[in-house]
Protein backbone atom coordinates (compact mmCIF):
# COMPACT_ATOMS: atom_id res chain seq x y z
CA MET A 1 6.97 15.14 5.28
CA VAL A 2 8.74 14.92 1.94
CA LEU A 3 11.39 12.27 1.51
CA ASP A 4 14.16 12.39 -1.03
CA GLU A 5 13.77 9.45 -3.44
CA SER A 6 17.41 8.60 -2.78
CA SER A 7 16.96 8.38 1.00
CA ASP A 8 17.95 5.09 2.59
CA LEU A 9 14.35 4.34 3.56
CA MET A 10 13.00 5.03 0.07
CA VAL A 11 15.71 2.86 -1.52
CA LYS A 12 15.02 0.04 0.97
CA LEU A 13 11.26 0.16 0.42
CA ASN A 14 11.67 0.32 -3.35
CA ARG A 15 13.83 -2.82 -3.26
CA GLU A 16 11.25 -4.60 -1.10
CA THR A 17 8.30 -3.75 -3.36
CA SER A 18 7.10 -6.50 -5.66
CA ARG A 19 4.12 -7.92 -7.55
CA ILE A 20 2.12 -10.60 -5.74
CA HIS A 21 -1.15 -12.40 -6.38
CA TRP A 22 -3.98 -11.39 -4.09
CA THR A 23 -4.53 -15.03 -3.12
CA GLU A 24 -1.17 -14.91 -1.30
CA LEU A 25 -2.35 -11.93 0.76
CA GLN A 26 -5.75 -13.27 1.83
CA ARG A 27 -4.66 -14.34 5.30
CA PHE A 28 -3.20 -10.88 5.94
CA TYR A 29 -6.44 -9.31 4.71
CA ALA A 30 -8.35 -11.57 7.13
CA GLN A 31 -6.11 -10.25 9.94
CA GLY A 32 -6.94 -6.65 8.96
CA ALA A 33 -3.32 -5.93 8.03
CA VAL A 34 -3.73 -4.83 4.39
CA LEU A 35 -3.87 -1.15 3.44
CA VAL A 36 -4.91 -0.18 -0.08
CA VAL A 37 -3.08 2.74 -1.68
CA ALA A 38 -4.99 4.75 -4.29
CA PRO A 39 -3.62 4.73 -7.84
CA GLU A 40 -2.76 8.43 -7.74
CA LEU A 41 -0.33 7.97 -4.83
CA ASP A 42 3.19 6.61 -5.04
CA LEU A 43 3.27 3.26 -3.23
CA VAL A 44 6.84 3.63 -1.97
CA ALA A 45 6.35 7.22 -0.78
CA THR A 46 3.15 6.15 0.98
CA ALA A 47 4.98 3.27 2.64
CA ALA A 48 7.69 5.70 3.77
CA ALA A 49 5.06 7.97 5.33
CA VAL A 50 3.62 4.96 7.19
CA ALA A 51 7.10 3.82 8.28
CA ASN A 52 7.84 7.33 9.57
CA ASP A 53 4.45 7.53 11.32
CA ASP A 54 3.61 10.74 9.46
CA ALA A 55 0.22 11.06 11.17
CA ALA A 56 -0.89 14.27 9.43
CA THR A 57 -0.28 12.94 5.93
CA ILE A 58 -1.73 9.50 6.72
CA SER A 59 -4.85 11.07 8.24
CA ALA A 60 -5.35 13.28 5.18
CA TRP A 61 -5.05 10.26 2.88
CA MET A 62 -7.46 8.24 5.02
CA GLU A 63 -10.01 11.07 5.07
CA THR A 64 -10.03 11.12 1.26
CA ALA A 65 -9.89 7.28 0.99
CA GLN A 66 -6.53 7.45 -0.78
CA LEU A 67 -5.25 5.10 1.92
CA GLN A 68 -7.62 2.68 3.60
CA LYS A 69 -7.91 -0.79 5.03
CA ALA A 70 -8.76 -3.31 2.36
CA THR A 71 -12.53 -3.67 2.17
CA GLU A 72 -14.46 -6.86 1.62
CA GLU A 73 -15.48 -5.53 -1.80
CA PHE A 74 -11.82 -4.95 -2.74
CA ALA A 75 -10.86 -8.44 -1.54
CA VAL A 76 -13.75 -10.16 -3.35
CA ASN A 77 -13.02 -8.31 -6.59
CA CYS A 78 -9.31 -9.11 -6.43
CA LEU A 79 -10.05 -12.75 -5.76
CA ALA A 80 -12.58 -12.95 -8.60
CA ASP A 81 -10.19 -11.24 -11.01
CA ASN A 82 -7.16 -13.24 -9.82
CA CYS A 83 -5.50 -9.85 -9.28
CA GLU A 84 -1.84 -9.22 -9.05
CA VAL A 85 -0.96 -6.18 -6.93
CA TRP A 86 2.14 -4.22 -6.06
CA ALA A 87 2.93 -4.75 -2.38
CA VAL A 88 5.39 -3.62 0.25
CA VAL A 89 5.56 -4.51 3.94
CA VAL A 90 5.75 -1.84 6.62
CA ALA A 91 5.10 -3.96 9.69
CA PRO A 92 2.46 -4.54 10.86
CA TRP A 93 0.93 -3.44 7.54
CA ILE A 94 1.11 -4.66 3.98
CA LEU A 95 0.45 -1.80 1.57
CA VAL A 96 -0.97 -2.80 -1.80
CA GLN A 97 -1.78 -0.98 -5.01
CA LYS A 98 -3.55 -2.42 -8.03
CA ASP A 99 -2.33 0.04 -10.66
CA ARG A 100 -0.66 3.40 -10.52
CA VAL A 101 -1.76 6.41 -12.49
CA ALA A 102 1.18 7.91 -14.36
CA SER A 103 1.97 11.41 -13.21
């Protein structure tokens, strides 16, 4: 599923995306609610796919680890580095991305 960047959902998600320190997300990580988006993916487009329950795309990303639940290693590293991540909420998930690779 390809969404137009000007779609209402994409605009809404873009407005709701912000930088946040990992320490503020720890309780959500502990609940298993944090998904990590690989740097080569667009965070907002990924969030839109999750919001639209695009199972085929999500499955493909999960199979290649481009989208995955935050691991203990990820959480420990972010905590140790006092990381700031980009984040957007698509209930019940919080999607995070450390850095994006320019395309």
